[in-house]
């Protein structure tokens, strides 16, 4: 191995006697195996760290070459000592394609099953959606049926009350007795000046307007509502006749009937028939 030196080169060149002492200098320590096993090992960084070894480049190359040969020998010994295991690994790798194919076929089958289940779920979802829509439609029809029954019942009740009173004639003259009306209208009827009860007319008009609201809720274009239009027209005309008679009686009473005239006019307004009230007043004034 070539010589190596400590200190600077100027001192060594000035004294020839120092050449005799070169052989007495210690050799550098061998390269440590652990240095090469570092996770962040970098050859350039490692070589730059050897600048203080006082070793020639040729000696360093020789030592690294020896270390490489040693590692190759160790690798060969490792392979020879585990030769049977290496052969078994090779055989397992040869049959790996078949196992991969088996896994692929299994995955394809699983995918097909998943798609089948998904199709059934979508089909069931569509079926449930149709059933829900059908249920909603049936509920709407039931609600409409109940509204139609309510419409007819209210209309029949109002028709009965108006027919008993015979549109303008007193209820007492026709044997009709309404306990609630007699209580509320006692102040008006006790004088016997009027044959028409303003409170009763007001309730009849409110019932008429409620029937109209029920009909609008069902739909004015509904066939049954259209079919009941003649009955509603008859009820309307009867109410107008009753209101006209009540207004005529209040108007004929003069000053004492002024308050009653205002009440009857308010009922006309509630019935949305203010135009008819004006016509009646004009006809009374003309007469």
C-alpha atoms as a PDB file:
ATOM      1  CA  UNK A   1       0.000   0.000   0.000  1.00  0.00           C
ATOM      2  CA  UNK A   2       1.282   3.484  -0.797  1.00  0.00           C
ATOM      3  CA  UNK A   3       2.500   5.709   1.912  1.00  0.00           C
ATOM      4  CA  UNK A   4       0.294   8.259   3.647  1.00  0.00           C
ATOM      5  CA  UNK A   5       1.274  11.417   5.493  1.00  0.00           C
ATOM      6  CA  UNK A   6       0.227  13.518   8.437  1.00  0.00           C
ATOM      7  CA  UNK A   7       0.682  17.304   8.517  1.00  0.00           C
ATOM      8  CA  UNK A   8       1.359  19.579   5.535  1.00  0.00           C
ATOM      9  CA  UNK A   9       3.521  18.631   2.545  1.00  0.00           C
ATOM     10  CA  UNK A  10       5.990  21.529   2.977  1.00  0.00           C
ATOM     11  CA  UNK A  11       7.488  20.086   6.135  1.00  0.00           C
ATOM     12  CA  UNK A  12       7.817  16.690   4.614  1.00  0.00           C
ATOM     13  CA  UNK A  13       9.653  18.024   1.537  1.00  0.00           C
ATOM     14  CA  UNK A  14      12.170  20.025   3.535  1.00  0.00           C
ATOM     15  CA  UNK A  15      13.606  17.094   5.364  1.00  0.00           C
ATOM     16  CA  UNK A  16      14.785  13.982   3.618  1.00  0.00           C
ATOM     17  CA  UNK A  17      15.242  12.314   6.923  1.00  0.00           C
ATOM     18  CA  UNK A  18      11.519  12.292   7.409  1.00  0.00           C
ATOM     19  CA  UNK A  19      11.159   9.720   4.589  1.00  0.00           C
ATOM     20  CA  UNK A  20      12.622   7.140   6.851  1.00  0.00           C
ATOM     21  CA  UNK A  21       9.848   7.721   9.359  1.00  0.00           C
ATOM     22  CA  UNK A  22       6.959   7.261   6.835  1.00  0.00           C
ATOM     23  CA  UNK A  23       6.831   3.525   7.347  1.00  0.00           C
ATOM     24  CA  UNK A  24       6.204   4.000  11.027  1.00  0.00           C
ATOM     25  CA  UNK A  25       2.934   5.930  10.477  1.00  0.00           C
ATOM     26  CA  UNK A  26      -0.323   3.974  11.295  1.00  0.00           C
ATOM     27  CA  UNK A  27      -2.634   2.724   8.526  1.00  0.00           C
ATOM     28  CA  UNK A  28      -6.189   4.181   8.322  1.00  0.00           C
ATOM     29  CA  UNK A  29      -9.019   2.242   9.962  1.00  0.00           C
ATOM     30  CA  UNK A  30     -11.055  -0.055   7.643  1.00  0.00           C
ATOM     31  CA  UNK A  31     -14.310   1.312   6.214  1.00  0.00           C
ATOM     32  CA  UNK A  32     -17.218   0.497   8.511  1.00  0.00           C
ATOM     33  CA  UNK A  33     -20.051  -1.625   7.097  1.00  0.00           C
ATOM     34  CA  UNK A  34     -22.588   0.413   9.051  1.00  0.00           C
ATOM     35  CA  UNK A  35     -21.645   3.494   7.035  1.00  0.00           C
ATOM     36  CA  UNK A  36     -23.092   1.911   3.899  1.00  0.00           C
ATOM     37  CA  UNK A  37     -26.323   0.821   5.624  1.00  0.00           C
ATOM     38  CA  UNK A  38     -27.548   4.324   6.457  1.00  0.00           C
ATOM     39  CA  UNK A  39     -31.071   4.994   5.008  1.00  0.00           C
ATOM     40  CA  UNK A  40     -29.913   8.302   3.521  1.00  0.00           C
ATOM     41  CA  UNK A  41     -26.574   6.951   2.202  1.00  0.00           C
ATOM     42  CA  UNK A  42     -25.085   9.082  -0.605  1.00  0.00           C
ATOM     43  CA  UNK A  43     -21.850   8.002  -2.350  1.00  0.00           C
ATOM     44  CA  UNK A  44     -20.661  11.547  -3.093  1.00  0.00           C
ATOM     45  CA  UNK A  45     -21.342  12.677   0.449  1.00  0.00           C
ATOM     46  CA  UNK A  46     -19.618   9.623   1.866  1.00  0.00           C
ATOM     47  CA  UNK A  47     -16.509  10.068  -0.275  1.00  0.00           C
ATOM     48  CA  UNK A  48     -16.254  13.721   0.671  1.00  0.00           C
ATOM     49  CA  UNK A  49     -16.203  12.693   4.318  1.00  0.00           C
ATOM     50  CA  UNK A  50     -13.043  10.600   3.732  1.00  0.00           C
ATOM     51  CA  UNK A  51     -10.786  13.553   2.949  1.00  0.00           C
ATOM     52  CA  UNK A  52      -9.096  13.311   6.373  1.00  0.00           C
ATOM     53  CA  UNK A  53      -8.159   9.639   6.112  1.00  0.00           C
ATOM     54  CA  UNK A  54      -4.616  10.464   4.797  1.00  0.00           C
ATOM     55  CA  UNK A  55      -5.021   7.758   2.206  1.00  0.00           C
ATOM     56  CA  UNK A  56      -4.227   7.793  -1.494  1.00  0.00           C
ATOM     57  CA  UNK A  57      -6.972   7.528  -4.027  1.00  0.00           C
ATOM     58  CA  UNK A  58      -5.634   4.238  -5.336  1.00  0.00           C
ATOM     59  CA  UNK A  59      -5.631   2.732  -1.878  1.00  0.00           C
ATOM     60  CA  UNK A  60      -9.233   3.897  -1.391  1.00  0.00           C
ATOM     61  CA  UNK A  61     -10.282   2.347  -4.708  1.00  0.00           C
ATOM     62  CA  UNK A  62      -8.631  -0.918  -3.750  1.00  0.00           C
ATOM     63  CA  UNK A  63     -10.383  -0.996  -0.417  1.00  0.00           C
ATOM     64  CA  UNK A  64     -13.779  -0.247  -2.000  1.00  0.00           C
ATOM     65  CA  UNK A  65     -13.147  -2.909  -4.646  1.00  0.00           C
ATOM     66  CA  UNK A  66     -12.321  -5.437  -1.951  1.00  0.00           C
ATOM     67  CA  UNK A  67     -15.482  -4.476  -0.068  1.00  0.00           C
ATOM     68  CA  UNK A  68     -17.559  -4.968  -3.260  1.00  0.00           C
ATOM     69  CA  UNK A  69     -16.014  -8.412  -3.853  1.00  0.00           C
ATOM     70  CA  UNK A  70     -16.740  -9.334  -0.263  1.00  0.00           C
ATOM     71  CA  UNK A  71     -20.376  -8.323  -0.611  1.00  0.00           C
ATOM     72  CA  UNK A  72     -20.697 -10.308  -3.861  1.00  0.00           C
ATOM     73  CA  UNK A  73     -19.301 -13.371  -2.110  1.00  0.00           C
ATOM     74  CA  UNK A  74     -21.707 -12.928   0.796  1.00  0.00           C
ATOM     75  CA  UNK A  75     -24.647 -12.601  -1.649  1.00  0.00           C
ATOM     76  CA  UNK A  76     -23.558 -15.775  -3.436  1.00  0.00           C
ATOM     77  CA  UNK A  77     -23.280 -17.627  -0.152  1.00  0.00           C
ATOM     78  CA  UNK A  78     -26.765 -16.369   0.795  1.00  0.00           C
ATOM     79  CA  UNK A  79     -28.249 -17.638  -2.477  1.00  0.00           C
ATOM     80  CA  UNK A  80     -26.498 -21.020  -2.119  1.00  0.00           C
ATOM     81  CA  UNK A  81     -27.666 -21.432   1.444  1.00  0.00           C
ATOM     82  CA  UNK A  82     -31.278 -20.628   0.469  1.00  0.00           C
ATOM     83  CA  UNK A  83     -31.296 -22.362  -2.900  1.00  0.00           C
ATOM     84  CA  UNK A  84     -34.318 -24.542  -2.126  1.00  0.00           C
ATOM     85  CA  UNK A  85     -36.303 -21.522  -0.986  1.00  0.00           C
ATOM     86  CA  UNK A  86     -35.459 -19.693  -4.204  1.00  0.00           C
ATOM     87  CA  UNK A  87     -36.651 -22.695  -6.242  1.00  0.00           C
ATOM     88  CA  UNK A  88     -39.924 -22.776  -4.292  1.00  0.00           C
ATOM     89  CA  UNK A  89     -40.372 -19.058  -4.914  1.00  0.00           C
ATOM     90  CA  UNK A  90     -39.937 -19.619  -8.623  1.00  0.00           C
ATOM     91  CA  UNK A  91     -42.535 -22.383  -8.695  1.00  0.00           C
ATOM     92  CA  UNK A  92     -44.999 -20.201  -6.767  1.00  0.00           C
ATOM     93  CA  UNK A  93     -44.443 -17.391  -9.245  1.00  0.00           C
ATOM     94  CA  UNK A  94     -45.119 -19.750 -12.159  1.00  0.00           C
ATOM     95  CA  UNK A  95     -48.550 -20.658 -10.729  1.00  0.00           C
ATOM     96  CA  UNK A  96     -49.326 -17.040  -9.856  1.00  0.00           C
ATOM     97  CA  UNK A  97     -50.973 -16.332 -13.210  1.00  0.00           C
ATOM     98  CA  UNK A  98     -53.533 -19.034 -12.572  1.00  0.00           C
ATOM     99  CA  UNK A  99     -54.341 -17.607  -9.166  1.00  0.00           C
ATOM    100  CA  UNK A 100     -54.650 -14.115 -10.615  1.00  0.00           C
ATOM    101  CA  UNK A 101     -57.020 -15.491 -13.251  1.00  0.00           C
ATOM    102  CA  UNK A 102     -59.086 -17.185 -10.573  1.00  0.00           C
ATOM    103  CA  UNK A 103     -59.316 -13.918  -8.658  1.00  0.00           C
ATOM    104  CA  UNK A 104     -60.257 -12.042 -11.843  1.00  0.00           C
ATOM    105  CA  UNK A 105     -63.022 -14.531 -12.659  1.00  0.00           C
ATOM    106  CA  UNK A 106     -64.299 -14.279  -9.087  1.00  0.00           C
ATOM    107  CA  UNK A 107     -64.346 -10.513  -9.291  1.00  0.00           C
ATOM    108  CA  UNK A 108     -66.229 -10.620 -12.586  1.00  0.00           C
ATOM    109  CA  UNK A 109     -68.823 -12.911 -11.055  1.00  0.00           C
ATOM    110  CA  UNK A 110     -69.147 -10.662  -8.022  1.00  0.00           C
ATOM    111  CA  UNK A 111     -69.527  -7.638 -10.297  1.00  0.00           C
ATOM    112  CA  UNK A 112     -72.285  -9.401 -12.222  1.00  0.00           C
ATOM    113  CA  UNK A 113     -74.105 -10.216  -8.987  1.00  0.00           C
ATOM    114  CA  UNK A 114     -73.782  -6.620  -7.808  1.00  0.00           C
ATOM    115  CA  UNK A 115     -75.220  -5.353 -11.092  1.00  0.00           C
ATOM    116  CA  UNK A 116     -78.102  -7.809 -10.754  1.00  0.00           C
ATOM    117  CA  UNK A 117     -78.846  -6.617  -7.227  1.00  0.00           C
ATOM    118  CA  UNK A 118     -78.589  -3.004  -8.391  1.00  0.00           C
ATOM    119  CA  UNK A 119     -81.088  -3.689 -11.164  1.00  0.00           C
ATOM    120  CA  UNK A 120     -83.524  -5.214  -8.667  1.00  0.00           C
ATOM    121  CA  UNK A 121     -83.103  -2.232  -6.348  1.00  0.00           C
ATOM    122  CA  UNK A 122     -83.782   0.196  -9.197  1.00  0.00           C
ATOM    123  CA  UNK A 123     -86.824  -1.840 -10.225  1.00  0.00           C
ATOM    124  CA  UNK A 124     -88.134  -1.915  -6.663  1.00  0.00           C
ATOM    125  CA  UNK A 125     -87.491   1.820  -6.301  1.00  0.00           C
ATOM    126  CA  UNK A 126     -89.522   2.507  -9.427  1.00  0.00           C
ATOM    127  CA  UNK A 127     -92.313   0.242  -8.174  1.00  0.00           C
ATOM    128  CA  UNK A 128     -92.366   1.989  -4.783  1.00  0.00           C
ATOM    129  CA  UNK A 129     -92.396   5.388  -6.474  1.00  0.00           C
ATOM    130  CA  UNK A 130     -95.386   4.398  -8.604  1.00  0.00           C
ATOM    131  CA  UNK A 131     -97.199   3.052  -5.531  1.00  0.00           C
ATOM    132  CA  UNK A 132     -96.516   6.262  -3.607  1.00  0.00           C
ATOM    133  CA  UNK A 133     -97.808   8.353  -6.508  1.00  0.00           C
ATOM    134  CA  UNK A 134    -100.866   6.135  -6.738  1.00  0.00           C
ATOM    135  CA  UNK A 135    -101.452   6.516  -2.997  1.00  0.00           C
ATOM    136  CA  UNK A 136    -101.183  10.297  -3.268  1.00  0.00           C
ATOM    137  CA  UNK A 137    -103.630  10.295  -6.182  1.00  0.00           C
ATOM    138  CA  UNK A 138    -106.073   8.121  -4.230  1.00  0.00           C
ATOM    139  CA  UNK A 139    -105.844  10.427  -1.216  1.00  0.00           C
ATOM    140  CA  UNK A 140    -106.555  13.397  -3.453  1.00  0.00           C
ATOM    141  CA  UNK A 141    -109.559  11.599  -4.898  1.00  0.00           C
ATOM    142  CA  UNK A 142    -110.801  10.725  -1.407  1.00  0.00           C
ATOM    143  CA  UNK A 143    -110.399  14.350  -0.310  1.00  0.00           C
ATOM    144  CA  UNK A 144    -112.232  15.493  -3.427  1.00  0.00           C
ATOM    145  CA  UNK A 145    -114.990  12.956  -2.815  1.00  0.00           C
ATOM    146  CA  UNK A 146    -115.424  14.161   0.734  1.00  0.00           C
ATOM    147  CA  UNK A 147    -115.502  17.766  -0.479  1.00  0.00           C
ATOM    148  CA  UNK A 148    -118.183  16.864  -3.039  1.00  0.00           C
ATOM    149  CA  UNK A 149    -120.245  15.094  -0.388  1.00  0.00           C
ATOM    150  CA  UNK A 150    -119.871  18.107   1.889  1.00  0.00           C
ATOM    151  CA  UNK A 151    -120.818  20.410  -0.995  1.00  0.00           C
ATOM    152  CA  UNK A 152    -123.984  18.455  -1.747  1.00  0.00           C
ATOM    153  CA  UNK A 153    -124.950  18.138   1.937  1.00  0.00           C
ATOM    154  CA  UNK A 154    -124.545  21.855   2.596  1.00  0.00           C
ATOM    155  CA  UNK A 155    -126.418  22.748  -0.566  1.00  0.00           C
ATOM    156  CA  UNK A 156    -129.265  20.369   0.263  1.00  0.00           C
ATOM    157  CA  UNK A 157    -129.521  21.789   3.789  1.00  0.00           C
ATOM    158  CA  UNK A 158    -129.643  25.351   2.537  1.00  0.00           C
ATOM    159  CA  UNK A 159    -132.178  24.405  -0.125  1.00  0.00           C
ATOM    160  CA  UNK A 160    -134.372  22.846   2.523  1.00  0.00           C
ATOM    161  CA  UNK A 161    -134.239  25.922   4.710  1.00  0.00           C
ATOM    162  CA  UNK A 162    -135.015  28.271   1.850  1.00  0.00           C
ATOM    163  CA  UNK A 163    -137.823  26.094   0.510  1.00  0.00           C
ATOM    164  CA  UNK A 164    -139.458  26.018   3.938  1.00  0.00           C
ATOM    165  CA  UNK A 165    -139.305  29.767   4.101  1.00  0.00           C
ATOM    166  CA  UNK A 166    -140.544  29.947   0.485  1.00  0.00           C
ATOM    167  CA  UNK A 167    -138.373  32.891  -0.526  1.00  0.00           C
ATOM    168  CA  UNK A 168    -139.695  36.006   1.142  1.00  0.00           C
ATOM    169  CA  UNK A 169    -142.560  34.746   3.249  1.00  0.00           C
ATOM    170  CA  UNK A 170    -142.325  34.477   7.000  1.00  0.00           C
ATOM    171  CA  UNK A 171    -141.160  31.246   8.546  1.00  0.00           C
ATOM    172  CA  UNK A 172    -143.961  31.344  11.115  1.00  0.00           C
ATOM    173  CA  UNK A 173    -146.582  31.392   8.387  1.00  0.00           C
ATOM    174  CA  UNK A 174    -145.254  28.118   7.038  1.00  0.00           C
ATOM    175  CA  UNK A 175    -144.858  26.308  10.336  1.00  0.00           C
ATOM    176  CA  UNK A 176    -141.059  26.582  10.336  1.00  0.00           C
ATOM    177  CA  UNK A 177    -139.444  27.060  13.732  1.00  0.00           C
ATOM    178  CA  UNK A 178    -135.758  27.638  14.277  1.00  0.00           C
ATOM    179  CA  UNK A 179    -134.952  27.873  17.978  1.00  0.00           C
ATOM    180  CA  UNK A 180    -131.614  29.631  17.525  1.00  0.00           C
ATOM    181  CA  UNK A 181    -133.147  32.159  15.155  1.00  0.00           C
ATOM    182  CA  UNK A 182    -136.010  32.902  17.517  1.00  0.00           C
ATOM    183  CA  UNK A 183    -133.543  33.663  20.309  1.00  0.00           C
ATOM    184  CA  UNK A 184    -131.236  35.905  18.288  1.00  0.00           C
ATOM    185  CA  UNK A 185    -134.050  37.756  16.506  1.00  0.00           C
ATOM    186  CA  UNK A 186    -136.315  38.255  19.488  1.00  0.00           C
ATOM    187  CA  UNK A 187    -135.626  41.990  19.528  1.00  0.00           C
ATOM    188  CA  UNK A 188    -136.549  42.322  15.854  1.00  0.00           C
ATOM    189  CA  UNK A 189    -139.589  40.087  15.836  1.00  0.00           C
ATOM    190  CA  UNK A 190    -141.255  41.157  19.052  1.00  0.00           C
ATOM    191  CA  UNK A 191    -142.732  44.249  17.385  1.00  0.00           C
ATOM    192  CA  UNK A 192    -144.147  42.182  14.515  1.00  0.00           C
ATOM    193  CA  UNK A 193    -143.284  44.842  11.979  1.00  0.00           C
ATOM    194  CA  UNK A 194    -141.043  42.640   9.803  1.00  0.00           C
ATOM    195  CA  UNK A 195    -141.576  39.157   8.469  1.00  0.00           C
ATOM    196  CA  UNK A 196    -137.916  38.598   7.477  1.00  0.00           C
ATOM    197  CA  UNK A 197    -135.172  37.959  10.050  1.00  0.00           C
ATOM    198  CA  UNK A 198    -131.967  39.805   9.224  1.00  0.00           C
ATOM    199  CA  UNK A 199    -129.874  37.378  11.300  1.00  0.00           C
ATOM    200  CA  UNK A 200    -131.379  34.406   9.510  1.00  0.00           C
ATOM    201  CA  UNK A 201    -130.725  36.005   6.125  1.00  0.00           C
ATOM    202  CA  UNK A 202    -127.145  36.677   7.163  1.00  0.00           C
ATOM    203  CA  UNK A 203    -126.631  33.029   8.140  1.00  0.00           C
ATOM    204  CA  UNK A 204    -128.144  31.830   4.891  1.00  0.00           C
ATOM    205  CA  UNK A 205    -125.811  34.066   2.919  1.00  0.00           C
ATOM    206  CA  UNK A 206    -122.796  32.847   4.914  1.00  0.00           C
ATOM    207  CA  UNK A 207    -123.813  29.252   4.175  1.00  0.00           C
ATOM    208  CA  UNK A 208    -124.172  30.145   0.502  1.00  0.00           C
ATOM    209  CA  UNK A 209    -120.695  31.696   0.421  1.00  0.00           C
ATOM    210  CA  UNK A 210    -119.216  28.680   2.199  1.00  0.00           C
ATOM    211  CA  UNK A 211    -120.742  26.377  -0.417  1.00  0.00           C
ATOM    212  CA  UNK A 212    -119.121  28.538  -3.082  1.00  0.00           C
ATOM    213  CA  UNK A 213    -115.728  28.203  -1.353  1.00  0.00           C
ATOM    214  CA  UNK A 214    -116.077  24.414  -1.183  1.00  0.00           C
ATOM    215  CA  UNK A 215    -116.911  24.358  -4.893  1.00  0.00           C
ATOM    216  CA  UNK A 216    -113.826  26.448  -5.711  1.00  0.00           C
ATOM    217  CA  UNK A 217    -111.697  24.047  -3.661  1.00  0.00           C
ATOM    218  CA  UNK A 218    -112.959  21.121  -5.754  1.00  0.00           C
ATOM    219  CA  UNK A 219    -112.681  23.094  -8.979  1.00  0.00           C
ATOM    220  CA  UNK A 220    -115.299  25.099 -10.795  1.00  0.00           C
ATOM    221  CA  UNK A 221    -114.672  22.984 -13.916  1.00  0.00           C
ATOM    222  CA  UNK A 222    -115.438  19.720 -12.133  1.00  0.00           C
ATOM    223  CA  UNK A 223    -118.376  17.934 -13.826  1.00  0.00           C
ATOM    224  CA  UNK A 224    -120.318  17.537 -10.580  1.00  0.00           C
ATOM    225  CA  UNK A 225    -119.889  21.205  -9.678  1.00  0.00           C
ATOM    226  CA  UNK A 226    -121.034  22.181 -13.152  1.00  0.00           C
ATOM    227  CA  UNK A 227    -124.020  19.843 -12.807  1.00  0.00           C
ATOM    228  CA  UNK A 228    -125.028  21.552  -9.545  1.00  0.00           C
ATOM    229  CA  UNK A 229    -124.936  25.036 -11.104  1.00  0.00           C
ATOM    230  CA  UNK A 230    -128.760  25.165 -11.609  1.00  0.00           C
ATOM    231  CA  UNK A 231    -129.313  24.360  -7.931  1.00  0.00           C
ATOM    232  CA  UNK A 232    -126.855  27.073  -6.888  1.00  0.00           C
ATOM    233  CA  UNK A 233    -128.574  29.530  -9.214  1.00  0.00           C
ATOM    234  CA  UNK A 234    -131.936  28.694  -7.648  1.00  0.00           C
ATOM    235  CA  UNK A 235    -130.496  29.230  -4.158  1.00  0.00           C
ATOM    236  CA  UNK A 236    -128.983  32.539  -5.267  1.00  0.00           C
ATOM    237  CA  UNK A 237    -132.253  33.763  -6.742  1.00  0.00           C
ATOM    238  CA  UNK A 238    -134.143  32.719  -3.628  1.00  0.00           C
ATOM    239  CA  UNK A 239    -131.704  34.579  -1.391  1.00  0.00           C
ATOM    240  CA  UNK A 240    -131.976  37.673  -3.595  1.00  0.00           C
ATOM    241  CA  UNK A 241    -135.757  37.516  -3.380  1.00  0.00           C
ATOM    242  CA  UNK A 242    -135.575  37.257   0.407  1.00  0.00           C
ATOM    243  CA  UNK A 243    -133.118  40.149   0.619  1.00  0.00           C
ATOM    244  CA  UNK A 244    -135.232  42.201  -1.750  1.00  0.00           C
ATOM    245  CA  UNK A 245    -138.295  41.592   0.404  1.00  0.00           C
ATOM    246  CA  UNK A 246    -136.369  42.475   3.577  1.00  0.00           C
ATOM    247  CA  UNK A 247    -134.988  45.648   1.982  1.00  0.00           C
ATOM    248  CA  UNK A 248    -138.435  46.649   0.745  1.00  0.00           C
ATOM    249  CA  UNK A 249    -139.918  46.172   4.227  1.00  0.00           C
ATOM    250  CA  UNK A 250    -137.112  48.198   5.844  1.00  0.00           C
ATOM    251  CA  UNK A 251    -137.411  50.943   3.238  1.00  0.00           C
ATOM    252  CA  UNK A 252    -141.166  51.192   3.701  1.00  0.00           C
ATOM    253  CA  UNK A 253    -140.681  51.642   7.450  1.00  0.00           C
ATOM    254  CA  UNK A 254    -139.152  55.067   6.858  1.00  0.00           C
ATOM    255  CA  UNK A 255    -136.794  56.515   9.447  1.00  0.00           C
ATOM    256  CA  UNK A 256    -137.279  53.664  11.894  1.00  0.00           C
ATOM    257  CA  UNK A 257    -136.081  51.169   9.299  1.00  0.00           C
ATOM    258  CA  UNK A 258    -132.899  53.037   8.322  1.00  0.00           C
ATOM    259  CA  UNK A 259    -130.685  50.861  10.522  1.00  0.00           C
ATOM    260  CA  UNK A 260    -132.293  47.740   9.077  1.00  0.00           C
ATOM    261  CA  UNK A 261    -131.658  49.003   5.561  1.00  0.00           C
ATOM    262  CA  UNK A 262    -127.939  49.277   6.347  1.00  0.00           C
ATOM    263  CA  UNK A 263    -127.908  45.738   7.738  1.00  0.00           C
ATOM    264  CA  UNK A 264    -129.594  44.335   4.641  1.00  0.00           C
ATOM    265  CA  UNK A 265    -127.170  46.253   2.393  1.00  0.00           C
ATOM    266  CA  UNK A 266    -124.274  44.720   4.357  1.00  0.00           C
ATOM    267  CA  UNK A 267    -125.716  41.252   3.685  1.00  0.00           C
ATOM    268  CA  UNK A 268    -125.871  42.086  -0.020  1.00  0.00           C
ATOM    269  CA  UNK A 269    -122.188  43.048   0.162  1.00  0.00           C
ATOM    270  CA  UNK A 270    -121.302  39.804   1.979  1.00  0.00           C
ATOM    271  CA  UNK A 271    -123.048  37.913  -0.794  1.00  0.00           C
ATOM    272  CA  UNK A 272    -121.049  39.929  -3.362  1.00  0.00           C
ATOM    273  CA  UNK A 273    -124.324  41.195  -4.856  1.00  0.00           C
ATOM    274  CA  UNK A 274    -124.033  44.943  -4.203  1.00  0.00           C
ATOM    275  CA  UNK A 275    -125.162  45.643  -7.780  1.00  0.00           C
ATOM    276  CA  UNK A 276    -128.440  43.836  -7.117  1.00  0.00           C
ATOM    277  CA  UNK A 277    -128.951  45.912  -3.968  1.00  0.00           C
ATOM    278  CA  UNK A 278    -128.551  49.128  -5.944  1.00  0.00           C
ATOM    279  CA  UNK A 279    -131.066  47.890  -8.499  1.00  0.00           C
ATOM    280  CA  UNK A 280    -133.590  47.108  -5.776  1.00  0.00           C
ATOM    281  CA  UNK A 281    -133.149  50.520  -4.157  1.00  0.00           C
ATOM    282  CA  UNK A 282    -133.597  52.247  -7.485  1.00  0.00           C
ATOM    283  CA  UNK A 283    -136.728  50.287  -8.227  1.00  0.00           C
ATOM    284  CA  UNK A 284    -138.134  51.160  -4.776  1.00  0.00           C
ATOM    285  CA  UNK A 285    -137.410  54.859  -5.269  1.00  0.00           C
ATOM    286  CA  UNK A 286    -138.972  54.784  -8.737  1.00  0.00           C
ATOM    287  CA  UNK A 287    -142.085  53.190  -7.313  1.00  0.00           C
END
